[in-house]
């Protein structure tokens, strides 16, 4: 059973920074790990993702402000969030994707709340 545990959310003022972390249980190799967010009344959206080889993708709204990184040996992924804006307020979810033969399996964390407010 794969478990993803997020940490690092909280309340921060506009312009501030937070660092989210996600740790996956077990020694499973994930081809992809990423962060998604869901604000009230909105659909869940990609924030940033990174492959096992380090290729990263970002939503346009966070480019230049957020940075994703992962440590394959530890099965962890991190999201450094700088210059936070009120519109970044959302529940942030960690996702990990595993591939076995041609089958892709997605795993999600329970989410961590990020609130940007003065």
C-alpha atoms as a PDB file:
ATOM      1  CA  UNK A   1       0.000   0.000   0.000  1.00  0.00           C
ATOM      2  CA  UNK A   2       1.491   3.303  -1.096  1.00  0.00           C
ATOM      3  CA  UNK A   3       1.045   6.285   1.176  1.00  0.00           C
ATOM      4  CA  UNK A   4       1.967   9.858   0.386  1.00  0.00           C
ATOM      5  CA  UNK A   5       2.309  12.198   3.340  1.00  0.00           C
ATOM      6  CA  UNK A   6       2.430  15.947   2.753  1.00  0.00           C
ATOM      7  CA  UNK A   7       3.725  18.566   5.157  1.00  0.00           C
ATOM      8  CA  UNK A   8       4.624  22.225   5.217  1.00  0.00           C
ATOM      9  CA  UNK A   9       1.335  23.967   4.592  1.00  0.00           C
ATOM     10  CA  UNK A  10       0.073  26.855   6.663  1.00  0.00           C
ATOM     11  CA  UNK A  11      -0.826  30.523   6.766  1.00  0.00           C
ATOM     12  CA  UNK A  12       1.533  33.047   5.211  1.00  0.00           C
ATOM     13  CA  UNK A  13       1.325  36.697   4.284  1.00  0.00           C
ATOM     14  CA  UNK A  14       1.411  37.829   0.660  1.00  0.00           C
ATOM     15  CA  UNK A  15       4.987  37.896  -0.576  1.00  0.00           C
ATOM     16  CA  UNK A  16       6.029  35.207   1.857  1.00  0.00           C
ATOM     17  CA  UNK A  17       7.400  31.715   1.297  1.00  0.00           C
ATOM     18  CA  UNK A  18       6.499  28.154   2.169  1.00  0.00           C
ATOM     19  CA  UNK A  19       8.104  24.813   1.434  1.00  0.00           C
ATOM     20  CA  UNK A  20       5.906  21.793   0.930  1.00  0.00           C
ATOM     21  CA  UNK A  21       7.247  18.275   1.260  1.00  0.00           C
ATOM     22  CA  UNK A  22       5.807  14.918   0.298  1.00  0.00           C
ATOM     23  CA  UNK A  23       7.195  11.571   1.361  1.00  0.00           C
ATOM     24  CA  UNK A  24       6.130   8.299  -0.236  1.00  0.00           C
ATOM     25  CA  UNK A  25       6.195   5.098   1.765  1.00  0.00           C
ATOM     26  CA  UNK A  26       7.967   2.018   0.523  1.00  0.00           C
ATOM     27  CA  UNK A  27      10.703   1.629  -2.053  1.00  0.00           C
ATOM     28  CA  UNK A  28       8.548   1.952  -5.152  1.00  0.00           C
ATOM     29  CA  UNK A  29      10.051   3.779  -8.104  1.00  0.00           C
ATOM     30  CA  UNK A  30       7.851   6.589  -9.364  1.00  0.00           C
ATOM     31  CA  UNK A  31       8.310   7.833 -12.893  1.00  0.00           C
ATOM     32  CA  UNK A  32       6.604  11.093 -12.022  1.00  0.00           C
ATOM     33  CA  UNK A  33       5.850  13.126  -8.909  1.00  0.00           C
ATOM     34  CA  UNK A  34       3.986  16.379  -8.757  1.00  0.00           C
ATOM     35  CA  UNK A  35       1.975  18.959  -6.875  1.00  0.00           C
ATOM     36  CA  UNK A  36      -1.600  19.906  -7.652  1.00  0.00           C
ATOM     37  CA  UNK A  37      -3.938  22.325  -5.947  1.00  0.00           C
ATOM     38  CA  UNK A  38      -7.632  22.843  -5.585  1.00  0.00           C
ATOM     39  CA  UNK A  39      -9.213  26.094  -4.503  1.00  0.00           C
ATOM     40  CA  UNK A  40     -12.820  26.256  -3.267  1.00  0.00           C
ATOM     41  CA  UNK A  41     -15.237  25.976  -6.171  1.00  0.00           C
ATOM     42  CA  UNK A  42     -12.486  25.211  -8.673  1.00  0.00           C
ATOM     43  CA  UNK A  43     -11.109  22.112 -10.303  1.00  0.00           C
ATOM     44  CA  UNK A  44      -7.868  20.546  -9.205  1.00  0.00           C
ATOM     45  CA  UNK A  45      -5.004  21.858 -11.306  1.00  0.00           C
ATOM     46  CA  UNK A  46      -1.368  21.072 -11.913  1.00  0.00           C
ATOM     47  CA  UNK A  47       1.078  23.314 -10.079  1.00  0.00           C
ATOM     48  CA  UNK A  48       4.363  21.592 -10.898  1.00  0.00           C
ATOM     49  CA  UNK A  49       5.578  18.139 -11.805  1.00  0.00           C
ATOM     50  CA  UNK A  50       8.931  16.414 -12.159  1.00  0.00           C
ATOM     51  CA  UNK A  51      10.067  13.175 -13.751  1.00  0.00           C
ATOM     52  CA  UNK A  52      12.551  10.723 -12.307  1.00  0.00           C
ATOM     53  CA  UNK A  53      15.207  12.224 -14.587  1.00  0.00           C
ATOM     54  CA  UNK A  54      14.559  15.732 -13.309  1.00  0.00           C
ATOM     55  CA  UNK A  55      12.508  17.239 -16.104  1.00  0.00           C
ATOM     56  CA  UNK A  56      10.099  19.723 -14.596  1.00  0.00           C
ATOM     57  CA  UNK A  57       6.902  21.403 -15.729  1.00  0.00           C
ATOM     58  CA  UNK A  58       5.132  24.357 -14.154  1.00  0.00           C
ATOM     59  CA  UNK A  59       1.792  26.052 -14.445  1.00  0.00           C
ATOM     60  CA  UNK A  60       2.163  29.468 -16.048  1.00  0.00           C
ATOM     61  CA  UNK A  61       0.786  31.106 -12.920  1.00  0.00           C
ATOM     62  CA  UNK A  62       3.682  29.890 -10.763  1.00  0.00           C
ATOM     63  CA  UNK A  63       6.638  30.070 -13.153  1.00  0.00           C
ATOM     64  CA  UNK A  64       9.494  32.030 -11.654  1.00  0.00           C
ATOM     65  CA  UNK A  65       8.013  31.810  -8.158  1.00  0.00           C
ATOM     66  CA  UNK A  66       7.811  28.090  -7.393  1.00  0.00           C
ATOM     67  CA  UNK A  67      10.473  25.413  -7.705  1.00  0.00           C
ATOM     68  CA  UNK A  68       9.937  21.667  -7.583  1.00  0.00           C
ATOM     69  CA  UNK A  69      12.617  19.165  -6.633  1.00  0.00           C
ATOM     70  CA  UNK A  70      12.792  15.490  -5.745  1.00  0.00           C
ATOM     71  CA  UNK A  71      15.167  13.067  -4.120  1.00  0.00           C
ATOM     72  CA  UNK A  72      14.684   9.709  -5.802  1.00  0.00           C
ATOM     73  CA  UNK A  73      16.612   7.770  -3.169  1.00  0.00           C
ATOM     74  CA  UNK A  74      14.301   9.116  -0.469  1.00  0.00           C
ATOM     75  CA  UNK A  75      11.104   9.051  -2.532  1.00  0.00           C
ATOM     76  CA  UNK A  76      10.417  12.653  -1.622  1.00  0.00           C
ATOM     77  CA  UNK A  77       9.283  15.655  -3.611  1.00  0.00           C
ATOM     78  CA  UNK A  78       9.384  19.260  -2.484  1.00  0.00           C
ATOM     79  CA  UNK A  79       7.794  22.487  -3.621  1.00  0.00           C
ATOM     80  CA  UNK A  80       9.484  25.750  -2.719  1.00  0.00           C
ATOM     81  CA  UNK A  81       6.922  28.525  -3.006  1.00  0.00           C
ATOM     82  CA  UNK A  82       8.129  32.122  -3.021  1.00  0.00           C
ATOM     83  CA  UNK A  83       6.386  35.441  -3.582  1.00  0.00           C
ATOM     84  CA  UNK A  84       3.102  33.889  -2.595  1.00  0.00           C
ATOM     85  CA  UNK A  85      -0.115  35.576  -3.638  1.00  0.00           C
ATOM     86  CA  UNK A  86      -3.646  35.326  -2.236  1.00  0.00           C
ATOM     87  CA  UNK A  87      -4.657  33.457  -5.383  1.00  0.00           C
ATOM     88  CA  UNK A  88      -2.237  30.672  -4.407  1.00  0.00           C
ATOM     89  CA  UNK A  89      -4.574  29.809  -1.547  1.00  0.00           C
ATOM     90  CA  UNK A  90      -5.734  26.220  -1.983  1.00  0.00           C
ATOM     91  CA  UNK A  91      -5.380  22.686  -0.742  1.00  0.00           C
ATOM     92  CA  UNK A  92      -2.172  21.315  -2.229  1.00  0.00           C
ATOM     93  CA  UNK A  93      -1.977  17.627  -3.117  1.00  0.00           C
ATOM     94  CA  UNK A  94       1.019  15.460  -3.854  1.00  0.00           C
ATOM     95  CA  UNK A  95       0.747  12.933  -6.665  1.00  0.00           C
ATOM     96  CA  UNK A  96       3.044  10.064  -7.569  1.00  0.00           C
ATOM     97  CA  UNK A  97       2.822   7.921 -10.681  1.00  0.00           C
ATOM     98  CA  UNK A  98       4.120   4.405 -11.009  1.00  0.00           C
ATOM     99  CA  UNK A  99       4.499   2.362 -14.180  1.00  0.00           C
ATOM    100  CA  UNK A 100       4.411  -1.411 -14.289  1.00  0.00           C
ATOM    101  CA  UNK A 101       4.667  -2.681 -17.860  1.00  0.00           C
ATOM    102  CA  UNK A 102       2.057  -0.570 -19.698  1.00  0.00           C
ATOM    103  CA  UNK A 103      -0.049   0.181 -16.652  1.00  0.00           C
ATOM    104  CA  UNK A 104       0.146   3.563 -14.967  1.00  0.00           C
ATOM    105  CA  UNK A 105      -1.040   3.919 -11.383  1.00  0.00           C
ATOM    106  CA  UNK A 106      -1.593   7.233  -9.638  1.00  0.00           C
ATOM    107  CA  UNK A 107      -1.345   7.811  -5.915  1.00  0.00           C
ATOM    108  CA  UNK A 108      -2.463  10.911  -4.041  1.00  0.00           C
ATOM    109  CA  UNK A 109      -1.727  12.415  -0.679  1.00  0.00           C
ATOM    110  CA  UNK A 110      -4.382  13.706   1.684  1.00  0.00           C
ATOM    111  CA  UNK A 111      -3.657  17.359   0.942  1.00  0.00           C
ATOM    112  CA  UNK A 112      -2.245  20.252   2.918  1.00  0.00           C
ATOM    113  CA  UNK A 113      -3.841  23.674   3.221  1.00  0.00           C
ATOM    114  CA  UNK A 114      -1.968  26.750   2.049  1.00  0.00           C
ATOM    115  CA  UNK A 115      -3.533  30.088   2.906  1.00  0.00           C
ATOM    116  CA  UNK A 116      -2.035  33.354   1.723  1.00  0.00           C
ATOM    117  CA  UNK A 117      -3.605  36.263   3.538  1.00  0.00           C
ATOM    118  CA  UNK A 118      -2.696  39.396   5.422  1.00  0.00           C
END
